[in-house]
Amino acid sequence: RDLKPANIRIAEDGQAKLLDFGLAKTECEERAASPPDTTSPTVEQGMTRAGLVLGTPGYMSPEQARGLPVDRRTDVWSFGCVLHEMLAGEAPFSRGTVSDTLAAVLTREPDWTRLPAATPSRVRTLLRRCLAKDPSRRIHHVADVRLELDDALVSPETEIDPASNGAPRPTIENRTLRVDDAICRTLDRQGFDGLLPGWHLQYADNLRDSDTLVVWVPSIGGDHTTTQWRELIAASPYRMVTVTPVGIEPGVETRPVVSLDNQLVLIRALVRHLRDTLHPKRTIISGYSCGSIMALRCAAGSGSEDLFDGVLTIDADLQESNCFITRLFANLEPSSTQDIMKCLREVGASCSTIREWLTLHQHMLECIHKVQNDFSPLVRQGRNLSEDYEGVHCGEQSPFVPWLRQALAHVDTVRCAFHDGVENRRVLGEIRMLHLDQGVLGPRFSDDVITFVEDPDEVAMMGTERLLELVDQLVRTMPD
């Protein structure tokens, strides 16, 4: 349970030996000559007491980090971390502090682009299976890892990562689309800001060579630089971009004030530009939580006809209680540090697991760092996204219903995935009854449009592996 580079030694005969130095309690000591996680002391809180943490942070499996029971699959995870470090030259989850490292273990994916371009695809697949956060999806025994590696050595592949074209894989590229006069003429004048003509809509592109284009709309406060969404598009086998809603950009002092309706028009303009330049076989728009609502509304609105081939919403907001963080931002005093501290405390109090706390606080901190001391962009976005949900507590009132009906009328393949929670079951059950009685979802609704995923909570649905699995499931249901 403590496999790490510091415990591996090369004998005189060239064989690698795994040494057991025993488990030492965490000490505060400087190790300036070594990477922090490679030689960092073991965190020990009782060898046999349930629910406590045992291991080295950068090489702990997610179940280890949560203090859950572990088995041989934890060793497979640690081996995957070591193998990744051997190939990429850096530990996959190493961060500046123990808490940041644990957050990465629980909620982040490795940067697969750091692997050498010539890494065989068989080894890449092996690494992904070793580092699956869900133990049930991980390789079960190190002996199986040995067999996979032996096969890769016996039958070496000449092909390299197809996205690299023989060179090191490119990093994700930040790009922009200029808001020209033609785009401006399509915008609603009531939500029009004079800064918009000539403004640049920002997005990140994974440059993948694929005939499937996936456009990802971030949730509240997110943008094309958000760590979680960059990890998502980096890991995607499809051409995938994540867009920054205008008015929430990082690194600028003055931002346009843009209505939600105009945000949707601008996202459609970007999709149209990408379709015209990339000529994908299929175009999908997707998002998580309020980002999935924006994706749904992009597909539902006028001007979206024949623009999208698929829509995937993931834990879309159904009622007011789903808009917790959105409403916190909406109610902030734009220049009040006390308000933002109160907001952080409320988020912390709402969390029931360490993973949930780490995930939400990581996202909140990125949002706060972006806007510094002026929270007005977050306030505006929060108000735009939450106003339709005020006082909504049941399926009959949910704005999700008309937006889904309109999207179904415009798009051939629509899937709405929800974690299997009590409230989701209740509200969606009410919506299904309304449809049975009144046909509120329209003639194109079918049972497979709404699906439940057996994840414990919303945060589990945010994991890169889960999101990519849902995207892949949608693609497989679409016609060739």
Protein backbone atom coordinates (compact mmCIF):
# COMPACT_ATOMS: atom_id res chain seq x y z
CA ARG A 1 0.00 0.00 0.00
CA ASP A 2 3.00 2.34 -0.29
CA LEU A 3 4.40 1.75 -3.77
CA LYS A 4 6.34 4.82 -4.91
CA PRO A 5 9.69 5.57 -6.63
CA ALA A 6 11.46 6.11 -3.29
CA ASN A 7 10.72 2.48 -2.39
CA ILE A 8 12.14 1.09 -5.65
CA ARG A 9 15.84 0.25 -5.97
CA ILE A 10 17.91 -1.21 -8.82
CA ALA A 11 20.11 -4.11 -7.73
CA GLU A 12 23.61 -4.70 -9.10
CA ASP A 13 22.26 -7.33 -11.49
CA GLY A 14 19.85 -4.76 -12.97
CA GLN A 15 16.72 -6.11 -11.35
CA ALA A 16 14.26 -3.68 -9.79
CA LYS A 17 13.53 -4.38 -6.15
CA LEU A 18 10.55 -3.11 -4.18
CA LEU A 19 11.74 -2.32 -0.66
CA ASP A 20 9.56 -2.06 2.41
CA PHE A 21 10.91 0.65 4.69
CA GLY A 22 7.89 0.44 6.97
CA LEU A 23 5.38 3.19 7.53
CA ALA A 24 6.50 6.45 9.10
CA LYS A 25 4.27 9.15 10.46
CA THR A 26 4.18 12.43 8.57
CA GLU A 27 6.97 14.80 9.53
CA CYS A 28 7.63 18.38 8.50
CA GLU A 29 11.03 18.18 6.83
CA GLU A 30 12.60 19.80 3.82
CA ARG A 31 13.29 17.57 0.82
CA ALA A 32 14.47 20.21 -1.60
CA ALA A 33 16.45 17.78 -3.73
CA SER A 34 13.50 15.52 -4.54
CA PRO A 35 10.00 15.96 -6.02
CA PRO A 36 7.52 16.40 -3.17
CA ASP A 37 5.45 13.27 -3.69
CA THR A 38 8.17 10.90 -4.86
CA THR A 39 9.93 10.81 -1.48
CA SER A 40 7.31 12.37 0.73
CA PRO A 41 6.63 10.60 4.03
CA THR A 42 3.78 8.22 4.41
CA VAL A 43 0.58 9.53 5.94
CA GLU A 44 -0.33 7.07 8.68
CA GLN A 45 -3.28 7.23 11.02
CA GLY A 46 -3.54 3.76 12.45
CA MET A 47 -2.80 0.56 10.62
CA THR A 48 -6.11 -1.13 11.27
CA ARG A 49 -8.61 1.56 12.16
CA ALA A 50 -11.31 1.90 9.49
CA GLY A 51 -11.88 5.22 7.78
CA LEU A 52 -8.35 6.57 8.19
CA VAL A 53 -5.68 7.35 5.62
CA LEU A 54 -2.58 5.25 4.99
CA GLY A 55 -0.14 5.87 2.14
CA THR A 56 1.81 8.53 0.24
CA PRO A 57 -0.50 11.27 -1.14
CA GLY A 58 0.73 11.36 -4.74
CA TYR A 59 0.47 7.59 -5.13
CA MET A 60 -2.69 6.89 -3.12
CA SER A 61 -5.68 5.41 -4.86
CA PRO A 62 -8.94 7.38 -4.52
CA GLU A 63 -10.36 4.77 -2.14
CA GLN A 64 -7.18 5.01 -0.05
CA ALA A 65 -7.43 8.80 0.09
CA ARG A 66 -10.99 8.49 1.38
CA GLY A 67 -9.97 6.04 4.10
CA LEU A 68 -12.04 3.23 2.58
CA PRO A 69 -11.12 -0.47 2.60
CA VAL A 70 -8.48 -1.30 -0.02
CA ASP A 71 -7.37 -4.41 -1.88
CA ARG A 72 -4.91 -5.36 -4.62
CA ARG A 73 -6.42 -2.81 -6.97
CA THR A 74 -4.85 -0.07 -4.85
CA ASP A 75 -1.41 -1.49 -5.74
CA VAL A 76 -2.43 -1.43 -9.40
CA TRP A 77 -3.24 2.28 -9.05
CA SER A 78 0.12 3.02 -7.40
CA PHE A 79 1.93 1.07 -10.10
CA GLY A 80 0.08 3.13 -12.72
CA CYS A 81 1.30 6.32 -11.02
CA VAL A 82 4.90 5.07 -11.06
CA LEU A 83 4.66 3.94 -14.71
CA HIS A 84 3.21 7.32 -15.72
CA GLU A 85 6.08 9.06 -13.92
CA MET A 86 8.65 6.86 -15.68
CA LEU A 87 7.19 7.73 -19.08
CA ALA A 88 6.23 11.38 -18.59
CA GLY A 89 8.93 12.46 -16.16
CA GLU A 90 6.42 13.68 -13.62
CA ALA A 91 3.96 12.16 -11.18
CA PRO A 92 0.40 12.26 -12.57
CA PHE A 93 -1.23 13.83 -9.51
CA SER A 94 1.60 15.73 -7.84
CA ARG A 95 0.66 19.24 -6.75
CA GLY A 96 2.23 21.85 -4.47
CA THR A 97 0.57 20.75 -1.24
CA VAL A 98 -0.80 17.54 0.24
CA SER A 99 -4.39 18.85 0.10
CA ASP A 100 -4.05 19.86 -3.57
CA THR A 101 -2.50 16.47 -4.35
CA LEU A 102 -5.36 14.61 -2.66
CA ALA A 103 -7.84 16.79 -4.55
CA ALA A 104 -6.15 15.81 -7.82
CA VAL A 105 -6.24 12.11 -6.90
CA LEU A 106 -9.96 12.31 -6.15
CA THR A 107 -11.17 14.62 -8.91
CA ARG A 108 -8.59 15.09 -11.69
CA GLU A 109 -7.28 13.07 -14.63
CA PRO A 110 -3.58 12.80 -15.50
CA ASP A 111 -2.37 15.02 -18.31
CA TRP A 112 -2.17 12.30 -20.93
CA THR A 113 -0.55 14.72 -23.38
CA ARG A 114 2.64 14.51 -21.27
CA LEU A 115 3.26 10.93 -22.41
CA PRO A 116 5.90 10.59 -25.16
CA ALA A 117 4.44 10.57 -28.65
CA ALA A 118 5.89 7.10 -29.32
CA THR A 119 4.13 5.52 -26.34
CA PRO A 120 2.30 2.49 -27.82
CA SER A 121 -1.46 2.73 -27.72
CA ARG A 122 -1.51 -0.58 -25.81
CA VAL A 123 0.53 1.01 -23.02
CA ARG A 124 -1.69 4.11 -23.03
CA THR A 125 -4.76 1.92 -22.62
CA LEU A 126 -3.04 -0.01 -19.83
CA LEU A 127 -2.28 3.24 -17.98
CA ARG A 128 -5.88 4.39 -18.23
CA ARG A 129 -7.07 1.06 -16.85
CA CYS A 130 -4.56 1.23 -13.99
CA LEU A 131 -5.62 4.78 -13.11
CA ALA A 132 -9.39 4.34 -13.32
CA LYS A 133 -10.81 6.10 -10.26
CA ASP A 134 -13.57 3.51 -9.90
CA PRO A 135 -11.89 0.32 -8.57
CA SER A 136 -14.43 -1.87 -10.37
CA ARG A 137 -13.20 -0.47 -13.71
CA ARG A 138 -9.51 -0.85 -12.81
CA ILE A 139 -7.27 -3.81 -13.64
CA HIS A 140 -7.72 -6.16 -10.70
CA HIS A 141 -4.24 -7.63 -10.23
CA VAL A 142 -0.66 -6.56 -10.95
CA ALA A 143 -0.07 -9.94 -12.62
CA ASP A 144 -2.48 -8.85 -15.36
CA VAL A 145 -0.45 -5.67 -15.77
CA ARG A 146 2.68 -7.79 -16.28
CA LEU A 147 0.97 -9.79 -19.02
CA GLU A 148 -0.12 -6.62 -20.81
CA LEU A 149 3.40 -5.17 -20.66
CA ASP A 150 4.93 -8.44 -21.85
CA ASP A 151 2.59 -8.44 -24.85
CA ALA A 152 3.52 -4.86 -25.65
CA LEU A 153 7.24 -5.78 -25.58
CA VAL A 154 6.84 -8.98 -27.61
CA SER A 155 4.74 -7.26 -30.28
CA PRO A 156 5.95 -3.68 -30.31
CA GLU A 157 3.74 -1.32 -32.22
CA THR A 158 5.11 0.97 -34.85
CA GLU A 159 2.15 3.30 -34.70
CA ILE A 160 2.22 6.28 -32.39
CA ASP A 161 -0.56 8.41 -31.06
CA PRO A 162 -2.49 9.41 -34.20
CA ALA A 163 -3.00 12.90 -32.88
CA SER A 164 0.75 13.51 -32.79
CA ASN A 165 1.55 12.96 -36.50
CA GLY A 166 4.98 11.69 -35.56
CA ALA A 167 5.78 14.65 -33.33
CA PRO A 168 5.13 15.36 -29.66
CA ARG A 169 1.42 15.73 -29.11
CA PRO A 170 0.37 19.36 -29.18
CA THR A 171 -0.91 20.92 -26.03
CA ILE A 172 -4.46 22.21 -25.96
CA GLU A 173 -4.63 25.34 -28.06
CA ASN A 174 -6.39 28.50 -26.91
CA ARG A 175 -8.26 30.10 -29.79
CA THR A 176 -10.64 32.98 -30.41
CA LEU A 177 -13.50 33.90 -32.72
CA ARG A 178 -13.90 37.58 -33.51
CA VAL A 179 -17.41 38.92 -32.94
CA ASP A 180 -17.76 40.63 -36.32
CA ASP A 181 -20.55 42.79 -37.68
CA ALA A 182 -22.41 39.80 -39.13
CA ILE A 183 -22.58 38.17 -35.70
CA CYS A 184 -23.50 41.45 -34.01
CA ARG A 185 -26.51 41.85 -36.30
CA THR A 186 -27.96 38.61 -34.91
CA LEU A 187 -27.81 39.81 -31.28
CA ASP A 188 -30.72 41.17 -29.28
CA ARG A 189 -30.26 44.92 -28.86
CA GLN A 190 -31.73 44.84 -25.35
CA GLY A 191 -28.78 42.81 -24.15
CA PHE A 192 -26.21 44.46 -26.41
CA ASP A 193 -22.99 45.96 -25.05
CA GLY A 194 -20.95 48.44 -27.08
CA LEU A 195 -17.80 46.44 -26.33
CA LEU A 196 -19.08 43.46 -28.32
CA PRO A 197 -18.19 44.55 -31.90
CA GLY A 198 -14.66 43.28 -32.42
CA TRP A 199 -14.63 41.33 -29.15
CA HIS A 200 -13.01 37.89 -29.22
CA LEU A 201 -14.93 34.85 -28.03
CA GLN A 202 -12.39 32.57 -26.33
CA TYR A 203 -12.29 28.79 -26.46
CA ALA A 204 -9.85 25.89 -26.04
CA ASP A 205 -9.44 23.20 -28.72
CA ASN A 206 -7.87 19.76 -28.26
CA LEU A 207 -7.03 19.60 -32.00
CA ARG A 208 -7.98 15.92 -32.14
CA ASP A 209 -8.31 14.37 -35.60
CA SER A 210 -11.90 13.14 -35.36
CA ASP A 211 -15.07 13.42 -37.41
CA THR A 212 -17.07 14.03 -34.21
CA LEU A 213 -17.07 17.55 -32.76
CA VAL A 214 -18.11 18.02 -29.13
CA VAL A 215 -18.71 21.56 -27.84
CA TRP A 216 -18.53 21.75 -24.04
CA VAL A 217 -20.29 24.57 -22.18
CA PRO A 218 -18.78 25.16 -18.69
CA SER A 219 -20.88 25.43 -15.55
CA ILE A 220 -21.16 28.64 -13.50
CA GLY A 221 -17.91 30.64 -13.41
CA GLY A 222 -16.04 28.19 -15.64
CA ASP A 223 -14.14 29.04 -18.80
CA HIS A 224 -11.71 27.56 -21.31
CA THR A 225 -8.87 27.70 -18.76
CA THR A 226 -10.71 25.86 -15.97
CA THR A 227 -8.52 22.92 -14.94
CA GLN A 228 -11.30 20.35 -14.88
CA TRP A 229 -12.64 21.18 -18.34
CA ARG A 230 -9.17 21.32 -19.91
CA GLU A 231 -8.49 17.86 -18.49
CA LEU A 232 -11.77 16.71 -20.00
CA ILE A 233 -11.02 17.86 -23.54
CA ALA A 234 -7.40 16.65 -23.28
CA ALA A 235 -8.63 13.13 -22.52
CA SER A 236 -11.37 13.10 -25.17
CA PRO A 237 -10.87 10.90 -28.25
CA TYR A 238 -13.15 13.27 -30.16
CA ARG A 239 -12.49 16.79 -31.42
CA MET A 240 -13.59 18.76 -28.38
CA VAL A 241 -13.66 22.45 -27.53
CA THR A 242 -14.70 24.24 -24.36
CA VAL A 243 -16.03 27.75 -24.74
CA THR A 244 -15.82 30.74 -22.41
CA PRO A 245 -19.11 32.64 -22.15
CA VAL A 246 -18.54 36.30 -23.03
CA GLY A 247 -18.30 38.39 -19.89
CA ILE A 248 -16.58 35.74 -17.78
CA GLU A 249 -13.16 35.71 -19.50
CA PRO A 250 -9.94 35.31 -17.52
CA GLY A 251 -7.13 37.84 -17.74
CA VAL A 252 -9.13 40.94 -18.72
CA GLU A 253 -10.08 43.99 -16.68
CA THR A 254 -13.10 45.15 -18.68
CA ARG A 255 -15.69 42.67 -19.89
CA PRO A 256 -18.90 43.16 -21.90
CA VAL A 257 -22.20 42.82 -20.07
CA VAL A 258 -24.13 40.22 -22.08
CA SER A 259 -27.63 38.82 -21.59
CA LEU A 260 -28.10 35.06 -21.44
CA ASP A 261 -29.98 35.08 -24.75
CA ASN A 262 -27.05 36.78 -26.44
CA GLN A 263 -24.64 34.33 -24.80
CA LEU A 264 -26.53 31.54 -26.54
CA VAL A 265 -26.41 33.37 -29.89
CA LEU A 266 -22.63 33.78 -29.54
CA ILE A 267 -22.11 30.11 -28.72
CA ARG A 268 -24.18 29.15 -31.77
CA ALA A 269 -22.00 31.48 -33.87
CA LEU A 270 -18.90 29.64 -32.65
CA VAL A 271 -20.46 26.25 -33.43
CA ARG A 272 -21.39 27.44 -36.91
CA HIS A 273 -17.81 28.66 -37.44
CA LEU A 274 -16.40 25.31 -36.30
CA ARG A 275 -18.76 23.37 -38.54
CA ASP A 276 -17.82 25.52 -41.53
CA THR A 277 -14.08 25.10 -40.96
CA LEU A 278 -13.81 21.53 -39.61
CA HIS A 279 -16.69 19.87 -41.53
CA PRO A 280 -17.41 17.29 -38.79
CA LYS A 281 -19.63 14.31 -39.51
CA ARG A 282 -21.60 15.02 -36.33
CA THR A 283 -21.74 17.94 -33.91
CA ILE A 284 -22.67 17.50 -30.25
CA ILE A 285 -23.20 20.15 -27.59
CA SER A 286 -22.92 19.20 -23.94
CA GLY A 287 -22.35 20.52 -20.44
CA TYR A 288 -22.74 19.83 -16.76
CA SER A 289 -25.36 21.32 -14.38
CA CYS A 290 -26.17 24.88 -15.48
CA GLY A 291 -23.71 24.41 -18.36
CA SER A 292 -25.92 21.61 -19.65
CA ILE A 293 -28.92 23.94 -19.43
CA MET A 294 -27.06 26.43 -21.63
CA ALA A 295 -26.26 23.59 -24.03
CA LEU A 296 -29.92 22.52 -24.09
CA ARG A 297 -31.08 26.09 -24.69
CA CYS A 298 -28.52 26.54 -27.47
CA ALA A 299 -30.11 23.60 -29.24
CA ALA A 300 -33.66 24.69 -28.39
CA GLY A 301 -33.52 28.29 -29.57
CA SER A 302 -34.21 29.81 -32.95
CA GLY A 303 -31.23 29.63 -35.26
CA SER A 304 -30.24 26.19 -33.99
CA GLU A 305 -32.06 24.21 -36.67
CA ASP A 306 -29.64 21.82 -38.46
CA LEU A 307 -26.77 23.08 -36.27
CA PHE A 308 -26.54 20.16 -33.84
CA ASP A 309 -26.74 16.41 -34.38
CA GLY A 310 -26.72 15.56 -30.69
CA VAL A 311 -27.31 17.11 -27.27
CA LEU A 312 -26.07 15.64 -24.00
CA THR A 313 -27.07 17.18 -20.68
CA ILE A 314 -25.46 15.92 -17.47
CA ASP A 315 -27.25 16.59 -14.19
CA ALA A 316 -29.14 19.50 -15.73
CA ASP A 317 -30.79 21.86 -13.24
CA LEU A 318 -34.42 20.87 -12.66
CA GLN A 319 -35.49 23.06 -9.74
CA GLU A 320 -34.30 25.90 -7.51
CA SER A 321 -32.38 23.65 -5.12
CA ASN A 322 -30.18 22.46 -8.01
CA CYS A 323 -28.94 26.04 -8.47
CA PHE A 324 -27.14 26.21 -5.11
CA ILE A 325 -23.79 27.69 -6.20
CA THR A 326 -25.42 29.69 -8.99
CA ARG A 327 -27.70 31.38 -6.44
CA LEU A 328 -24.79 31.97 -4.05
CA PHE A 329 -23.00 33.89 -6.80
CA ALA A 330 -26.20 35.71 -7.77
CA ASN A 331 -26.63 37.03 -4.22
CA LEU A 332 -23.06 38.27 -3.74
CA GLU A 333 -22.28 41.92 -3.13
CA PRO A 334 -19.88 42.50 -6.07
CA SER A 335 -17.14 44.15 -4.01
CA SER A 336 -17.63 42.41 -0.66
CA THR A 337 -14.81 40.14 0.50
CA GLN A 338 -16.97 39.17 3.48
CA ASP A 339 -19.68 37.95 1.11
CA ILE A 340 -17.29 35.70 -0.78
CA MET A 341 -15.95 34.28 2.49
CA LYS A 342 -19.52 33.58 3.59
CA CYS A 343 -20.14 31.95 0.22
CA LEU A 344 -17.15 29.63 0.70
CA ARG A 345 -18.34 28.69 4.18
CA GLU A 346 -21.81 27.84 2.86
CA VAL A 347 -20.31 25.66 0.14
CA GLY A 348 -18.20 23.86 2.73
CA ALA A 349 -21.19 23.33 5.01
CA SER A 350 -23.17 21.81 2.13
CA CYS A 351 -20.57 19.11 1.42
CA SER A 352 -21.01 15.60 2.78
CA THR A 353 -17.71 14.07 1.56
CA ILE A 354 -14.08 15.14 1.27
CA ARG A 355 -14.23 14.61 -2.48
CA GLU A 356 -17.22 16.93 -2.80
CA TRP A 357 -15.51 19.59 -0.66
CA LEU A 358 -12.27 19.42 -2.65
CA THR A 359 -14.02 19.50 -6.02
CA LEU A 360 -16.31 22.43 -5.25
CA HIS A 361 -13.64 24.49 -3.49
CA GLN A 362 -11.17 23.95 -6.34
CA HIS A 363 -13.79 25.30 -8.75
CA MET A 364 -14.72 28.21 -6.48
CA LEU A 365 -11.10 29.22 -5.99
CA GLU A 366 -10.45 29.28 -9.74
CA CYS A 367 -13.50 31.50 -10.21
CA ILE A 368 -12.45 33.89 -7.43
CA HIS A 369 -8.85 34.09 -8.62
CA LYS A 370 -10.07 34.99 -12.10
CA VAL A 371 -12.18 37.99 -11.09
CA GLN A 372 -9.95 39.10 -8.17
CA ASN A 373 -11.83 41.68 -6.07
CA ASP A 374 -14.65 42.48 -8.52
CA PHE A 375 -17.21 39.71 -8.38
CA SER A 376 -19.73 41.44 -10.66
CA PRO A 377 -19.12 39.04 -13.62
CA LEU A 378 -19.99 36.08 -11.37
CA VAL A 379 -22.98 37.94 -9.92
CA ARG A 380 -24.36 38.72 -13.39
CA GLN A 381 -23.85 35.17 -14.62
CA GLY A 382 -25.43 33.75 -11.47
CA ARG A 383 -28.49 35.96 -11.85
CA ASN A 384 -28.83 35.15 -15.56
CA LEU A 385 -28.71 31.42 -14.92
CA SER A 386 -30.88 31.25 -11.80
CA GLU A 387 -33.73 33.67 -12.53
CA ASP A 388 -35.84 31.07 -14.38
CA TYR A 389 -35.66 28.75 -11.36
CA GLU A 390 -36.88 31.10 -8.63
CA GLY A 391 -39.63 29.35 -6.67
CA VAL A 392 -39.43 26.17 -8.78
CA HIS A 393 -39.82 23.09 -6.59
CA CYS A 394 -41.64 20.56 -8.76
CA GLY A 395 -41.69 19.11 -12.25
CA GLU A 396 -44.77 21.05 -13.33
CA GLN A 397 -42.94 24.35 -12.81
CA SER A 398 -39.56 23.32 -14.20
CA PRO A 399 -38.27 25.35 -17.18
CA PHE A 400 -36.37 22.21 -18.16
CA VAL A 401 -39.61 20.90 -19.70
CA PRO A 402 -40.11 23.46 -22.51
CA TRP A 403 -36.38 23.61 -23.25
CA LEU A 404 -36.20 19.83 -23.63
CA ARG A 405 -39.31 19.78 -25.82
CA GLN A 406 -37.84 22.45 -28.12
CA ALA A 407 -34.46 20.71 -28.31
CA LEU A 408 -36.16 17.44 -29.25
CA ALA A 409 -37.93 19.27 -32.07
CA HIS A 410 -34.60 20.53 -33.49
CA VAL A 411 -32.08 17.75 -32.80
CA ASP A 412 -32.12 14.08 -33.81
CA THR A 413 -30.40 12.64 -30.73
CA VAL A 414 -30.95 14.07 -27.24
CA ARG A 415 -29.87 12.40 -24.00
CA CYS A 416 -30.30 13.77 -20.48
CA ALA A 417 -28.27 11.89 -17.85
CA PHE A 418 -28.90 12.36 -14.12
CA HIS A 419 -27.30 10.86 -11.03
CA ASP A 420 -29.70 8.47 -9.37
CA GLY A 421 -30.77 10.65 -6.44
CA VAL A 422 -34.07 10.94 -4.59
CA GLU A 423 -34.85 14.49 -5.74
CA ASN A 424 -33.98 13.77 -9.36
CA ARG A 425 -36.27 10.73 -9.26
CA ARG A 426 -39.09 12.78 -7.74
CA VAL A 427 -38.97 15.74 -10.14
CA LEU A 428 -38.37 13.66 -13.26
CA GLY A 429 -41.16 11.31 -12.18
CA GLU A 430 -43.51 14.30 -12.03
CA ILE A 431 -42.35 15.42 -15.48
CA ARG A 432 -42.95 11.94 -16.92
CA MET A 433 -46.48 11.90 -15.47
CA LEU A 434 -47.15 15.31 -17.01
CA HIS A 435 -45.98 13.99 -20.35
CA LEU A 436 -48.22 10.94 -20.06
CA ASP A 437 -51.23 13.12 -19.29
CA GLN A 438 -50.54 16.18 -21.43
CA GLY A 439 -47.69 15.33 -23.84
CA VAL A 440 -45.59 18.22 -22.47
CA LEU A 441 -42.31 16.86 -23.90
CA GLY A 442 -43.61 16.66 -27.44
CA PRO A 443 -44.08 13.82 -29.93
CA ARG A 444 -40.37 13.01 -30.29
CA PHE A 445 -39.81 12.17 -26.64
CA SER A 446 -38.95 8.52 -25.92
CA ASP A 447 -38.00 6.58 -22.81
CA ASP A 448 -34.28 6.58 -23.63
CA VAL A 449 -34.04 10.40 -23.63
CA ILE A 450 -33.80 10.54 -19.81
CA THR A 451 -31.39 8.13 -18.12
CA PHE A 452 -30.16 7.61 -14.56
CA VAL A 453 -26.54 6.89 -13.70
CA GLU A 454 -25.68 4.96 -10.56
CA ASP A 455 -23.34 7.59 -9.14
CA PRO A 456 -23.66 8.58 -5.48
CA ASP A 457 -23.94 12.32 -6.06
CA GLU A 458 -23.52 15.21 -8.49
CA VAL A 459 -19.77 15.43 -7.91
CA ALA A 460 -19.27 11.83 -9.02
CA MET A 461 -20.91 12.79 -12.32
CA MET A 462 -18.24 15.49 -12.84
CA GLY A 463 -15.36 13.01 -13.11
CA THR A 464 -13.57 13.03 -16.46
CA GLU A 465 -13.94 9.28 -16.94
CA ARG A 466 -17.69 9.40 -16.29
CA LEU A 467 -18.23 12.42 -18.57
CA LEU A 468 -16.30 10.84 -21.44
CA GLU A 469 -18.22 7.59 -20.96
CA LEU A 470 -21.52 9.47 -21.30
CA VAL A 471 -20.30 11.28 -24.42
CA ASP A 472 -19.16 7.98 -25.92
CA GLN A 473 -22.53 6.36 -25.17
CA LEU A 474 -24.27 9.20 -27.01
CA VAL A 475 -21.99 8.92 -30.04
CA ARG A 476 -22.64 5.17 -30.28
CA THR A 477 -26.40 5.76 -30.46
CA MET A 478 -26.10 8.29 -33.29
CA PRO A 479 -26.47 7.23 -36.94
CA ASP A 480 -23.29 6.94 -39.01
